[in-house]
Amino acid sequence: MIREINDRHEYLNIYKSQCGMCKLLDWTKCICPAFPKGIPEDMLEGDIKHDKPIKGQQGDYLFTPDD
């Protein structure tokens, strides 16, 4: 049986990306409520910030610092 491979964590740059410091991030799947099918690679890499809504996201979720 072939299962879907989720390698999104390979794109996550914990030094540049806000995602690594966001309390909405699901670390096991590299998803969040705004991107339930996968956070965009350029966001995981830290090339774009999530301080305003981004085309294609779900709801009005934004970067929320993890306390």
N, C-alpha and C. Protein backbone atom coordinates (compact mmCIF):
# COMPACT_ATOMS: atom_id res chain seq x y z
N MET A 1 0.83 -1.17 0.00
CA MET A 1 0.00 0.00 0.00
C MET A 1 0.89 1.25 0.00
N ILE A 2 0.64 2.14 -0.94
CA ILE A 2 1.39 3.38 -1.02
C ILE A 2 0.61 4.46 -0.27
N ARG A 3 1.31 5.15 0.59
CA ARG A 3 0.70 6.26 1.34
C ARG A 3 1.31 7.57 0.87
N GLU A 4 0.59 8.63 1.10
CA GLU A 4 1.09 9.95 0.73
C GLU A 4 2.30 10.31 1.59
N ILE A 5 3.34 10.79 0.96
CA ILE A 5 4.53 11.21 1.68
C ILE A 5 4.43 12.71 1.95
N ASN A 6 4.59 13.08 3.21
CA ASN A 6 4.55 14.49 3.58
C ASN A 6 5.97 14.91 3.96
N ASP A 7 6.63 15.60 3.06
CA ASP A 7 8.00 16.05 3.32
C ASP A 7 8.08 17.57 3.48
N ARG A 8 6.96 18.19 3.84
CA ARG A 8 6.91 19.64 3.97
C ARG A 8 7.88 20.16 5.03
N HIS A 9 8.16 19.34 6.03
CA HIS A 9 9.11 19.76 7.07
C HIS A 9 10.49 20.06 6.49
N GLU A 10 10.81 19.50 5.33
CA GLU A 10 12.10 19.75 4.69
C GLU A 10 12.24 21.22 4.27
N TYR A 11 11.12 21.89 4.04
CA TYR A 11 11.14 23.30 3.62
C TYR A 11 11.18 24.26 4.80
N LEU A 12 10.82 23.80 5.98
CA LEU A 12 10.71 24.67 7.14
C LEU A 12 12.09 25.16 7.59
N ASN A 13 12.28 26.47 7.49
CA ASN A 13 13.51 27.12 7.94
C ASN A 13 13.21 27.72 9.31
N ILE A 14 13.62 27.07 10.36
CA ILE A 14 13.27 27.53 11.71
C ILE A 14 13.94 28.85 12.08
N TYR A 15 14.92 29.28 11.31
CA TYR A 15 15.61 30.54 11.60
C TYR A 15 14.94 31.73 10.92
N LYS A 16 14.32 31.53 9.75
CA LYS A 16 13.72 32.63 9.00
C LYS A 16 12.20 32.63 9.04
N SER A 17 11.58 31.48 9.09
CA SER A 17 10.13 31.38 8.97
C SER A 17 9.41 31.70 10.28
N GLN A 18 8.30 32.41 10.16
CA GLN A 18 7.45 32.66 11.32
C GLN A 18 6.78 31.37 11.77
N CYS A 19 6.60 30.45 10.87
CA CYS A 19 5.85 29.22 11.17
C CYS A 19 6.40 28.48 12.39
N GLY A 20 7.69 28.41 12.52
CA GLY A 20 8.30 27.70 13.64
C GLY A 20 8.01 28.33 14.99
N MET A 21 7.57 29.58 14.99
CA MET A 21 7.27 30.29 16.23
C MET A 21 5.77 30.54 16.40
N CYS A 22 4.95 29.93 15.53
CA CYS A 22 3.51 30.15 15.54
C CYS A 22 2.80 29.03 16.30
N LYS A 23 1.89 29.42 17.19
CA LYS A 23 1.21 28.39 17.98
C LYS A 23 0.15 27.64 17.16
N LEU A 24 -0.14 28.08 15.95
CA LEU A 24 -1.12 27.40 15.11
C LEU A 24 -0.51 26.28 14.27
N LEU A 25 0.81 26.20 14.24
CA LEU A 25 1.49 25.19 13.43
C LEU A 25 1.31 23.78 13.99
N ASP A 26 0.93 22.86 13.13
CA ASP A 26 0.90 21.44 13.47
C ASP A 26 2.24 20.88 12.97
N TRP A 27 3.16 20.68 13.89
CA TRP A 27 4.52 20.25 13.54
C TRP A 27 4.56 18.90 12.85
N THR A 28 3.64 18.02 13.15
CA THR A 28 3.68 16.68 12.56
C THR A 28 3.34 16.67 11.08
N LYS A 29 2.56 17.65 10.62
CA LYS A 29 2.14 17.68 9.22
C LYS A 29 2.55 18.96 8.48
N CYS A 30 3.12 19.92 9.21
CA CYS A 30 3.46 21.24 8.65
C CYS A 30 2.23 21.86 7.98
N ILE A 31 1.15 21.88 8.74
CA ILE A 31 -0.08 22.53 8.30
C ILE A 31 -0.54 23.45 9.42
N CYS A 32 -1.52 24.27 9.12
CA CYS A 32 -2.15 25.13 10.13
C CYS A 32 -3.57 25.39 9.67
N PRO A 33 -4.40 26.01 10.51
CA PRO A 33 -5.78 26.27 10.11
C PRO A 33 -5.90 27.11 8.82
N ALA A 34 -4.96 27.99 8.59
CA ALA A 34 -4.99 28.82 7.37
C ALA A 34 -4.66 28.00 6.12
N PHE A 35 -3.83 26.98 6.29
CA PHE A 35 -3.39 26.15 5.16
C PHE A 35 -3.50 24.68 5.53
N PRO A 36 -4.74 24.16 5.61
CA PRO A 36 -4.95 22.78 6.05
C PRO A 36 -4.43 21.72 5.07
N LYS A 37 -4.15 22.11 3.84
CA LYS A 37 -3.61 21.16 2.86
C LYS A 37 -2.11 21.32 2.69
N GLY A 38 -1.51 22.22 3.47
CA GLY A 38 -0.07 22.42 3.41
C GLY A 38 0.30 23.89 3.31
N ILE A 39 1.19 24.32 4.17
CA ILE A 39 1.66 25.69 4.17
C ILE A 39 2.54 25.90 2.94
N PRO A 40 2.36 27.02 2.22
CA PRO A 40 3.17 27.27 1.02
C PRO A 40 4.68 27.21 1.33
N GLU A 41 5.42 26.66 0.39
CA GLU A 41 6.86 26.47 0.57
C GLU A 41 7.58 27.79 0.86
N ASP A 42 7.21 28.87 0.15
CA ASP A 42 7.91 30.14 0.37
C ASP A 42 7.63 30.71 1.76
N MET A 43 6.52 30.32 2.35
CA MET A 43 6.24 30.74 3.73
C MET A 43 7.05 29.88 4.70
N LEU A 44 7.12 28.58 4.46
CA LEU A 44 7.92 27.69 5.30
C LEU A 44 9.40 28.07 5.24
N GLU A 45 9.85 28.52 4.08
CA GLU A 45 11.25 28.90 3.91
C GLU A 45 11.55 30.27 4.50
N GLY A 46 10.51 31.03 4.85
CA GLY A 46 10.71 32.35 5.45
C GLY A 46 10.80 33.48 4.45
N ASP A 47 10.46 33.21 3.19
CA ASP A 47 10.54 34.25 2.17
C ASP A 47 9.38 35.22 2.23
N ILE A 48 8.25 34.80 2.79
CA ILE A 48 7.11 35.70 2.97
C ILE A 48 6.62 35.59 4.41
N LYS A 49 6.09 36.68 4.91
CA LYS A 49 5.55 36.74 6.26
C LYS A 49 4.04 36.54 6.21
N HIS A 50 3.48 36.13 7.31
CA HIS A 50 2.03 35.91 7.37
C HIS A 50 1.41 36.91 8.34
N ASP A 51 1.64 38.20 8.05
CA ASP A 51 1.08 39.26 8.89
C ASP A 51 -0.16 39.89 8.27
N LYS A 52 -0.57 39.39 7.10
CA LYS A 52 -1.81 39.78 6.45
C LYS A 52 -2.33 38.57 5.67
N PRO A 53 -3.63 38.53 5.40
CA PRO A 53 -4.19 37.38 4.68
C PRO A 53 -3.49 37.17 3.33
N ILE A 54 -3.34 35.92 2.98
CA ILE A 54 -2.67 35.54 1.73
C ILE A 54 -3.67 34.82 0.85
N LYS A 55 -3.63 35.11 -0.42
CA LYS A 55 -4.55 34.47 -1.38
C LYS A 55 -4.47 32.95 -1.26
N GLY A 56 -5.63 32.33 -1.12
CA GLY A 56 -5.69 30.88 -1.04
C GLY A 56 -5.77 30.33 0.37
N GLN A 57 -5.60 31.17 1.37
CA GLN A 57 -5.67 30.66 2.74
C GLN A 57 -7.12 30.50 3.18
N GLN A 58 -7.35 29.72 4.21
CA GLN A 58 -8.67 29.52 4.79
C GLN A 58 -8.85 30.47 5.97
N GLY A 59 -10.02 31.06 6.09
CA GLY A 59 -10.32 31.91 7.22
C GLY A 59 -9.44 33.16 7.27
N ASP A 60 -9.40 33.76 8.46
CA ASP A 60 -8.62 34.99 8.63
C ASP A 60 -7.46 34.78 9.60
N TYR A 61 -6.94 33.57 9.66
CA TYR A 61 -5.82 33.24 10.55
C TYR A 61 -4.55 33.95 10.08
N LEU A 62 -3.77 34.41 11.05
CA LEU A 62 -2.48 35.03 10.78
C LEU A 62 -1.45 34.46 11.77
N PHE A 63 -0.20 34.83 11.58
CA PHE A 63 0.86 34.42 12.50
C PHE A 63 0.46 34.80 13.92
N THR A 64 0.50 33.80 14.80
CA THR A 64 0.17 33.99 16.21
C THR A 64 1.33 33.47 17.04
N PRO A 65 2.11 34.38 17.65
CA PRO A 65 3.29 33.93 18.41
C PRO A 65 2.96 32.89 19.47
N ASP A 66 3.80 31.89 19.54
CA ASP A 66 3.65 30.85 20.56
C ASP A 66 4.19 31.41 21.87
N ASP A 67 3.39 31.33 22.91
CA ASP A 67 3.78 31.89 24.20
C ASP A 67 4.78 31.04 24.93
